[in-house]
Amino acid sequence: MTDVWALAALWLGLALIATLVSIWFRVATALSEIVVGIIAQLIIGALIGAAALGTDESWIKFLSGTGAIVLTFLAGTELDPVVFRSKWKEANAVGLIGFFAPFLGCAAVAHWVLGWSGPASWLTGVALSTTSVAVVYAVMLEFGLNKTTYGKTVLAACFVNDLGTVLALGFIFSPFTVKTLVFFGVSVVVFSILPWLTPRFFKRYGDRPSELEAKYLLLVLFGMGALATWADSEAVLPAYIFGMVLAGTVGKDHALIRRLRTLTFGMLTPFYFIRAGSYVSVPALAAAPGVFLVLLLAKMATKFVGVYPVTKYYKSPPKEAMYTTLLMSTGLTFGSISALFGLTHGVIDQAQYSMLIVAVIASAVVPTLIANAFYLPRHLLAGPAKPAPTAAALESSEGASS
């Protein structure tokens, strides 16, 4: 057990360093964890050996996978059902075009410009079709836009966008068999019952020091994740839908969500994001730096071509339309999940993964900086504009996920 505790101390030490970096440089903790993972693998691999970081240890894989699942669930719980019902046409239109335009456009660029294989190109389209709910929510929260109809509509569009990403990842890269039908049938039954069962179960047995609520939610997440992987799908698919169907109940329990975030960001997601960063090949990235720039520009261009005209159709002023378009161009959590899925399942190689993950990271930063610097809709702000989102604000909202 000495090796296990030493390795755990190393990983949590890296997580602590990443948190300090996020505070010093005012970036999302997830971003700094990925970067720390890249640097750690580069330094430790050069000094000791590639296996010294232990990224393939079974318990690290488990904690990493759990982090991705719970993070995805938390993202789903952030959906506001009331706003979604009132603005469903606009939210669906922006969200769907925000998914399909980069999904098809980036896949085409990867195949016809970069010369990647068909499966690798489709995986690229999936990874770059995302919108980072974590970044968007943090921006909305920092400026108070989350309380406006505009902000809530943009967040609803983000959920539609990311739901398309999750479904595409599950259905394109999962074989359609009898197991798939069983998984779909069980999911329909479970997700139909849970919105009725969960609040009643919590009301009767919850609010105790034993944290029954967390155990209940983790039971469902692990059970549906096991069924998804048995059907050759991805465990994040039911987790996201599970969060969405409970958004009106569990999502309103702020104390429970805060406790889950503490568990997730304090223990689980560092293993996921550091592990994701450790797979980046710096030599491969240095050998072809133009590739990730092509991918980043492809994502931003296709988002603009798709989202901007739709926002104008719904009569958004030019500044709001551009601001929405740039925020919908961000990506982080689901983009990195998709890229890591492609690497671990042999859809893309390590060099392609390196290009893709760096493009995903850049898409979380570049569009946000441009949006807040030049297109912030100040007329919607309750008071004087606040400074750009801090690391603390981003960290508090990463459970809404990218």
Protein backbone atom coordinates (compact mmCIF):
# COMPACT_ATOMS: atom_id res chain seq x y z
CA MET A 1 0.00 0.00 0.00
CA THR A 2 2.96 2.35 0.36
CA ASP A 3 3.11 2.82 -3.40
CA VAL A 4 -0.61 3.57 -3.56
CA TRP A 5 -0.48 6.23 -0.85
CA ALA A 6 2.64 7.79 -2.37
CA LEU A 7 1.01 7.93 -5.80
CA ALA A 8 -2.18 9.41 -4.30
CA ALA A 9 -0.10 12.07 -2.54
CA LEU A 10 1.63 12.88 -5.83
CA TRP A 11 -1.66 13.32 -7.70
CA LEU A 12 -3.26 15.45 -5.01
CA GLY A 13 -0.08 17.48 -4.81
CA LEU A 14 -0.39 18.14 -8.53
CA ALA A 15 -4.04 19.05 -8.00
CA LEU A 16 -3.06 21.54 -5.31
CA ILE A 17 -0.44 23.09 -7.59
CA ALA A 18 -3.05 23.34 -10.36
CA THR A 19 -5.45 25.12 -8.01
CA LEU A 20 -2.79 27.64 -7.02
CA VAL A 21 -1.97 28.23 -10.69
CA SER A 22 -5.66 28.84 -11.42
CA ILE A 23 -5.79 31.43 -8.64
CA TRP A 24 -2.57 33.17 -9.67
CA PHE A 25 -3.44 33.36 -13.38
CA ARG A 26 -7.24 33.61 -13.03
CA VAL A 27 -8.10 30.64 -15.21
CA ALA A 28 -10.48 27.73 -14.72
CA THR A 29 -9.12 25.00 -12.47
CA ALA A 30 -9.89 22.37 -15.10
CA LEU A 31 -7.61 24.21 -17.53
CA SER A 32 -4.76 24.41 -15.05
CA GLU A 33 -5.17 20.72 -14.14
CA ILE A 34 -4.85 19.70 -17.78
CA VAL A 35 -1.75 21.88 -18.18
CA VAL A 36 -0.22 20.52 -14.97
CA GLY A 37 -0.88 17.00 -16.24
CA ILE A 38 0.97 17.81 -19.47
CA ILE A 39 3.97 19.26 -17.64
CA ALA A 40 4.02 16.52 -14.97
CA GLN A 41 4.11 13.75 -17.55
CA LEU A 42 6.82 15.58 -19.49
CA ILE A 43 9.07 16.14 -16.45
CA ILE A 44 8.40 12.93 -14.51
CA GLY A 45 8.52 10.87 -17.69
CA ALA A 46 11.90 12.33 -18.60
CA LEU A 47 13.38 11.91 -15.11
CA ILE A 48 11.91 8.60 -13.96
CA GLY A 49 9.91 7.00 -16.75
CA ALA A 50 6.57 7.27 -18.54
CA ALA A 51 4.85 4.86 -16.13
CA ALA A 52 5.88 6.76 -12.97
CA LEU A 53 2.74 8.90 -12.98
CA GLY A 54 0.56 5.77 -12.84
CA THR A 55 -2.11 6.94 -15.27
CA ASP A 56 -3.04 3.34 -16.12
CA GLU A 57 -3.46 2.21 -12.50
CA SER A 58 -6.97 0.76 -12.07
CA TRP A 59 -7.85 2.92 -9.07
CA ILE A 60 -6.78 6.09 -10.86
CA LYS A 61 -8.92 5.10 -13.84
CA PHE A 62 -11.85 4.57 -11.45
CA LEU A 63 -11.50 7.95 -9.76
CA SER A 64 -10.99 9.63 -13.13
CA GLY A 65 -14.09 7.96 -14.60
CA THR A 66 -16.15 8.78 -11.52
CA GLY A 67 -15.11 12.41 -11.78
CA ALA A 68 -16.26 12.59 -15.40
CA ILE A 69 -19.60 10.94 -14.58
CA VAL A 70 -20.45 13.11 -11.56
CA LEU A 71 -19.27 16.26 -13.34
CA THR A 72 -21.54 15.42 -16.27
CA PHE A 73 -24.45 14.84 -13.90
CA LEU A 74 -23.89 18.20 -12.21
CA ALA A 75 -23.86 19.87 -15.61
CA GLY A 76 -27.31 18.46 -16.33
CA THR A 77 -28.76 19.70 -13.04
CA GLU A 78 -28.01 23.32 -13.96
CA LEU A 79 -30.80 23.40 -16.56
CA ASP A 80 -33.58 25.85 -15.66
CA PRO A 81 -36.85 24.14 -16.73
CA VAL A 82 -38.93 27.32 -16.42
CA VAL A 83 -36.76 29.37 -18.75
CA PHE A 84 -36.36 26.45 -21.13
CA ARG A 85 -40.14 26.14 -21.48
CA SER A 86 -40.60 29.85 -22.11
CA LYS A 87 -37.69 30.19 -24.56
CA TRP A 88 -37.59 26.69 -26.00
CA LYS A 89 -37.73 27.74 -29.65
CA GLU A 90 -34.77 30.11 -29.45
CA ALA A 91 -32.78 27.86 -27.09
CA ASN A 92 -33.31 24.82 -29.30
CA ALA A 93 -32.49 26.72 -32.49
CA VAL A 94 -29.25 28.20 -31.11
CA GLY A 95 -28.28 24.96 -29.37
CA LEU A 96 -28.93 22.69 -32.34
CA ILE A 97 -27.14 24.87 -34.89
CA GLY A 98 -24.38 25.37 -32.32
CA PHE A 99 -23.92 21.60 -32.37
CA PHE A 100 -24.45 20.70 -36.03
CA ALA A 101 -22.42 23.52 -37.65
CA PRO A 102 -19.09 22.70 -35.92
CA PHE A 103 -19.84 18.98 -35.83
CA LEU A 104 -20.12 18.78 -39.61
CA GLY A 105 -17.70 21.63 -40.39
CA CYS A 106 -14.84 20.50 -38.13
CA ALA A 107 -15.24 16.90 -39.24
CA ALA A 108 -14.92 18.08 -42.85
CA VAL A 109 -11.83 20.15 -42.03
CA ALA A 110 -10.20 17.24 -40.20
CA HIS A 111 -10.85 14.88 -43.11
CA TRP A 112 -10.30 17.08 -46.17
CA VAL A 113 -7.74 19.58 -44.86
CA LEU A 114 -5.78 17.58 -42.29
CA GLY A 115 -6.20 14.22 -44.03
CA TRP A 116 -7.45 12.35 -40.95
CA SER A 117 -9.39 9.11 -41.23
CA GLY A 118 -13.19 9.00 -41.25
CA PRO A 119 -13.63 7.88 -37.62
CA ALA A 120 -10.97 10.34 -36.40
CA SER A 121 -12.68 13.16 -38.32
CA TRP A 122 -16.10 12.37 -36.85
CA LEU A 123 -14.56 12.23 -33.38
CA THR A 124 -13.00 15.64 -34.05
CA GLY A 125 -16.42 16.98 -35.04
CA VAL A 126 -17.89 15.66 -31.79
CA ALA A 127 -15.11 17.08 -29.59
CA LEU A 128 -15.25 20.53 -31.19
CA SER A 129 -19.05 20.77 -31.32
CA THR A 130 -19.27 21.41 -27.57
CA THR A 131 -20.03 24.56 -25.62
CA SER A 132 -18.46 24.89 -22.18
CA VAL A 133 -21.34 25.33 -19.74
CA ALA A 134 -18.72 25.80 -17.01
CA VAL A 135 -17.17 28.84 -18.69
CA VAL A 136 -20.48 30.31 -19.88
CA TYR A 137 -22.11 29.91 -16.48
CA ALA A 138 -19.11 31.50 -14.75
CA VAL A 139 -19.27 34.51 -17.05
CA MET A 140 -23.02 34.86 -16.52
CA LEU A 141 -22.62 34.57 -12.76
CA GLU A 142 -19.77 37.08 -12.57
CA PHE A 143 -21.64 39.78 -14.49
CA GLY A 144 -25.09 38.98 -13.10
CA LEU A 145 -26.39 37.93 -16.52
CA ASN A 146 -27.54 34.58 -15.09
CA LYS A 147 -30.50 36.47 -13.55
CA THR A 148 -31.61 37.88 -16.90
CA THR A 149 -33.79 36.19 -19.49
CA TYR A 150 -30.97 36.64 -21.98
CA GLY A 151 -28.47 34.80 -19.78
CA LYS A 152 -30.85 31.97 -18.93
CA THR A 153 -31.69 31.49 -22.61
CA VAL A 154 -28.01 31.24 -23.53
CA LEU A 155 -27.46 28.68 -20.77
CA ALA A 156 -30.44 26.65 -22.01
CA ALA A 157 -28.94 26.72 -25.52
CA CYS A 158 -25.67 25.44 -24.06
CA PHE A 159 -27.45 22.41 -22.63
CA VAL A 160 -29.11 21.62 -25.95
CA ASN A 161 -25.73 21.95 -27.66
CA ASP A 162 -23.97 19.63 -25.21
CA LEU A 163 -26.80 17.12 -25.23
CA GLY A 164 -26.25 16.80 -28.98
CA THR A 165 -22.54 16.23 -28.32
CA VAL A 166 -23.20 13.54 -25.72
CA LEU A 167 -25.73 11.76 -27.94
CA ALA A 168 -23.40 11.91 -30.94
CA LEU A 169 -20.52 10.46 -28.93
CA GLY A 170 -22.71 7.65 -27.70
CA PHE A 171 -24.44 6.72 -30.94
CA ILE A 172 -21.71 7.24 -33.54
CA PHE A 173 -19.04 5.26 -31.73
CA SER A 174 -21.23 2.61 -30.15
CA PRO A 175 -22.39 -0.45 -32.12
CA PHE A 176 -26.18 -0.70 -32.42
CA THR A 177 -27.10 -4.14 -31.09
CA VAL A 178 -29.72 -5.79 -28.90
CA LYS A 179 -27.75 -4.46 -25.93
CA THR A 180 -28.35 -0.95 -27.24
CA LEU A 181 -32.10 -1.55 -27.33
CA VAL A 182 -32.02 -2.90 -23.76
CA PHE A 183 -30.02 0.12 -22.62
CA PHE A 184 -32.44 2.51 -24.33
CA GLY A 185 -35.51 0.76 -22.93
CA VAL A 186 -34.20 0.65 -19.36
CA SER A 187 -33.11 4.29 -19.59
CA VAL A 188 -36.58 5.42 -20.67
CA VAL A 189 -38.19 3.57 -17.75
CA VAL A 190 -35.64 4.74 -15.15
CA PHE A 191 -35.60 8.37 -16.24
CA SER A 192 -39.40 8.44 -16.30
CA ILE A 193 -39.66 7.20 -12.72
CA LEU A 194 -36.80 9.14 -11.11
CA PRO A 195 -38.34 12.67 -11.24
CA TRP A 196 -41.31 11.32 -9.27
CA LEU A 197 -39.41 8.97 -6.94
CA THR A 198 -36.35 11.03 -6.03
CA PRO A 199 -37.93 14.05 -4.26
CA ARG A 200 -40.29 11.80 -2.30
CA PHE A 201 -37.47 9.48 -1.26
CA PHE A 202 -35.30 12.42 -0.19
CA LYS A 203 -38.16 14.05 1.71
CA ARG A 204 -38.77 10.94 3.78
CA TYR A 205 -35.23 9.67 4.38
CA GLY A 206 -32.91 12.52 3.49
CA ASP A 207 -31.34 15.46 5.32
CA ARG A 208 -29.30 13.26 7.66
CA PRO A 209 -25.57 13.15 8.50
CA SER A 210 -25.32 9.82 6.66
CA GLU A 211 -25.63 11.70 3.32
CA LEU A 212 -28.25 9.33 1.92
CA GLU A 213 -28.84 11.66 -1.04
CA ALA A 214 -25.27 11.36 -2.31
CA LYS A 215 -25.33 7.57 -1.98
CA TYR A 216 -28.62 7.39 -3.85
CA LEU A 217 -27.39 9.56 -6.72
CA LEU A 218 -24.08 7.69 -6.99
CA LEU A 219 -25.96 4.38 -7.03
CA VAL A 220 -28.03 5.50 -10.02
CA LEU A 221 -25.01 7.01 -11.77
CA PHE A 222 -22.88 3.89 -11.34
CA GLY A 223 -25.76 1.56 -12.22
CA MET A 224 -26.68 3.41 -15.41
CA GLY A 225 -22.98 3.84 -16.24
CA ALA A 226 -22.49 0.09 -15.94
CA LEU A 227 -25.48 -0.53 -18.21
CA ALA A 228 -24.14 2.00 -20.73
CA THR A 229 -20.68 0.42 -20.90
CA TRP A 230 -22.28 -3.06 -21.10
CA ALA A 231 -24.11 -1.78 -24.18
CA ASP A 232 -20.78 -0.46 -25.57
CA SER A 233 -21.87 3.14 -25.04
CA GLU A 234 -20.34 5.83 -22.80
CA ALA A 235 -21.18 6.29 -19.11
CA VAL A 236 -21.46 10.07 -19.41
CA LEU A 237 -24.54 9.73 -21.65
CA PRO A 238 -26.99 8.56 -18.95
CA ALA A 239 -25.28 10.80 -16.38
CA TYR A 240 -26.06 13.94 -18.35
CA ILE A 241 -29.68 12.95 -19.00
CA PHE A 242 -30.04 11.92 -15.34
CA GLY A 243 -28.96 15.39 -14.30
CA MET A 244 -31.35 17.05 -16.73
CA VAL A 245 -34.43 15.11 -15.58
CA LEU A 246 -33.63 16.02 -11.96
CA ALA A 247 -32.82 19.67 -12.69
CA GLY A 248 -36.19 20.79 -11.35
CA THR A 249 -35.81 18.85 -8.09
CA VAL A 250 -32.24 17.95 -7.11
CA GLY A 251 -30.94 20.94 -9.07
CA LYS A 252 -32.88 23.26 -6.74
CA ASP A 253 -31.33 21.74 -3.60
CA HIS A 254 -28.36 24.09 -3.41
CA ALA A 255 -26.95 22.54 -0.25
CA LEU A 256 -26.86 19.07 -1.84
CA ILE A 257 -25.34 20.38 -5.06
CA ARG A 258 -22.70 22.23 -3.04
CA ARG A 259 -21.77 19.03 -1.17
CA LEU A 260 -21.53 17.10 -4.43
CA ARG A 261 -19.32 19.82 -5.89
CA THR A 262 -17.04 19.57 -2.88
CA LEU A 263 -16.66 15.83 -3.44
CA THR A 264 -16.27 16.23 -7.19
CA PHE A 265 -13.77 19.11 -7.37
CA GLY A 266 -11.94 18.30 -4.19
CA MET A 267 -11.28 14.65 -4.98
CA LEU A 268 -12.52 13.36 -8.33
CA THR A 269 -12.12 15.75 -11.25
CA PRO A 270 -8.40 16.45 -10.58
CA PHE A 271 -7.74 12.81 -11.42
CA TYR A 272 -9.76 13.15 -14.62
CA PHE A 273 -8.25 16.39 -15.93
CA ILE A 274 -4.66 15.67 -14.86
CA ARG A 275 -4.93 12.24 -16.49
CA ALA A 276 -6.31 13.84 -19.65
CA GLY A 277 -3.39 16.27 -19.75
CA SER A 278 -0.83 13.50 -19.17
CA TYR A 279 -1.76 11.94 -22.51
CA VAL A 280 -0.75 15.03 -24.48
CA SER A 281 2.40 14.45 -26.49
CA VAL A 282 4.45 17.66 -26.38
CA PRO A 283 6.87 16.47 -29.11
CA ALA A 284 3.94 15.73 -31.43
CA LEU A 285 2.46 19.14 -30.71
CA ALA A 286 5.78 20.89 -31.32
CA ALA A 287 6.20 19.05 -34.60
CA ALA A 288 2.94 20.41 -36.05
CA PRO A 289 1.73 23.50 -34.14
CA GLY A 290 -0.35 24.67 -37.08
CA VAL A 291 -2.74 21.73 -36.79
CA PHE A 292 -4.30 22.81 -33.49
CA LEU A 293 -4.62 26.37 -34.82
CA VAL A 294 -6.55 25.01 -37.82
CA LEU A 295 -8.85 23.08 -35.48
CA LEU A 296 -9.42 26.11 -33.21
CA LEU A 297 -10.17 28.41 -36.12
CA ALA A 298 -12.44 25.78 -37.67
CA LYS A 299 -14.48 25.59 -34.47
CA MET A 300 -14.83 29.35 -34.05
CA ALA A 301 -15.62 29.92 -37.74
CA THR A 302 -18.29 27.21 -37.92
CA LYS A 303 -19.88 28.40 -34.68
CA PHE A 304 -20.04 31.93 -36.11
CA VAL A 305 -21.52 30.79 -39.41
CA GLY A 306 -24.16 28.76 -37.60
CA VAL A 307 -25.05 30.65 -34.42
CA TYR A 308 -24.82 34.32 -35.40
CA PRO A 309 -27.54 34.23 -38.11
CA VAL A 310 -29.89 32.37 -35.75
CA THR A 311 -29.44 34.96 -33.00
CA LYS A 312 -30.18 37.70 -35.53
CA TYR A 313 -33.30 35.82 -36.67
CA TYR A 314 -34.57 36.06 -33.09
CA LYS A 315 -33.89 39.81 -33.22
CA SER A 316 -30.85 39.97 -30.94
CA PRO A 317 -28.97 43.30 -31.17
CA PRO A 318 -25.57 43.01 -32.89
CA LYS A 319 -23.55 43.13 -29.66
CA GLU A 320 -25.72 40.49 -27.94
CA ALA A 321 -25.66 38.31 -31.06
CA MET A 322 -21.86 38.37 -31.22
CA TYR A 323 -21.55 37.84 -27.48
CA THR A 324 -23.81 34.78 -27.67
CA THR A 325 -21.87 33.43 -30.64
CA LEU A 326 -18.51 33.76 -28.89
CA LEU A 327 -19.75 32.17 -25.67
CA MET A 328 -21.24 29.28 -27.67
CA SER A 329 -17.76 28.87 -29.22
CA THR A 330 -16.19 27.90 -25.90
CA GLY A 331 -15.43 24.28 -25.04
CA LEU A 332 -13.79 22.35 -22.24
CA THR A 333 -15.27 19.43 -20.30
CA PHE A 334 -17.20 17.51 -22.94
CA GLY A 335 -14.56 18.31 -25.52
CA SER A 336 -11.84 16.78 -23.35
CA ILE A 337 -14.11 13.83 -22.46
CA SER A 338 -14.71 13.17 -26.16
CA ALA A 339 -11.02 13.48 -27.04
CA LEU A 340 -9.96 11.13 -24.25
CA PHE A 341 -12.68 8.68 -25.29
CA GLY A 342 -11.28 8.70 -28.82
CA LEU A 343 -7.73 8.08 -27.59
CA THR A 344 -8.59 5.27 -25.17
CA HIS A 345 -10.80 3.54 -27.76
CA GLY A 346 -8.27 3.77 -30.58
CA VAL A 347 -10.27 6.21 -32.71
CA ILE A 348 -7.42 8.76 -32.72
CA ASP A 349 -3.73 8.38 -31.98
CA GLN A 350 -1.74 10.29 -29.37
CA ALA A 351 -0.58 12.95 -31.82
CA GLN A 352 -4.14 13.65 -32.96
CA TYR A 353 -5.30 13.65 -29.35
CA SER A 354 -2.62 16.19 -28.47
CA MET A 355 -3.73 18.55 -31.23
CA LEU A 356 -7.38 18.11 -30.35
CA ILE A 357 -7.06 18.62 -26.59
CA VAL A 358 -4.97 21.78 -27.02
CA ALA A 359 -7.59 23.14 -29.45
CA VAL A 360 -10.28 22.37 -26.86
CA ILE A 361 -8.32 24.16 -24.12
CA ALA A 362 -7.73 27.19 -26.37
CA SER A 363 -11.44 27.35 -27.21
CA ALA A 364 -12.22 27.79 -23.51
CA VAL A 365 -10.02 30.88 -23.32
CA VAL A 366 -9.83 32.74 -26.64
CA PRO A 367 -13.57 33.29 -27.38
CA THR A 368 -14.25 34.29 -23.76
CA LEU A 369 -11.51 36.92 -23.77
CA ILE A 370 -12.75 38.40 -27.05
CA ALA A 371 -16.38 38.38 -25.91
CA ASN A 372 -15.77 40.16 -22.60
CA ALA A 373 -13.30 42.64 -24.08
CA PHE A 374 -15.35 43.82 -27.07
CA TYR A 375 -18.96 42.55 -27.00
CA LEU A 376 -20.14 42.50 -23.38
CA PRO A 377 -23.82 43.64 -23.39
CA ARG A 378 -23.40 46.23 -20.67
CA HIS A 379 -26.97 47.46 -21.01
CA LEU A 380 -28.10 44.18 -19.45
CA LEU A 381 -25.89 44.54 -16.39
CA ALA A 382 -27.52 45.46 -13.09
CA GLY A 383 -24.65 47.79 -12.19
CA PRO A 384 -21.12 48.70 -13.23
CA ALA A 385 -19.31 45.99 -15.14
CA LYS A 386 -17.29 43.68 -12.98
CA PRO A 387 -13.81 42.38 -13.83
CA ALA A 388 -13.32 39.23 -15.88
CA PRO A 389 -14.31 35.94 -14.15
CA THR A 390 -11.82 34.84 -11.51
CA ALA A 391 -10.57 31.34 -10.89
CA ALA A 392 -12.78 31.11 -7.81
CA ALA A 393 -15.88 31.90 -9.85
CA LEU A 394 -14.93 29.42 -12.55
CA GLU A 395 -14.13 26.73 -10.01
CA SER A 396 -17.47 27.18 -8.25
CA SER A 397 -19.31 26.60 -11.51
CA GLU A 398 -17.30 23.91 -13.25
CA GLY A 399 -19.87 21.38 -12.07
CA ALA A 400 -22.05 22.83 -14.77
CA SER A 401 -19.53 21.42 -17.41
CA SER A 402 -17.66 21.75 -21.30
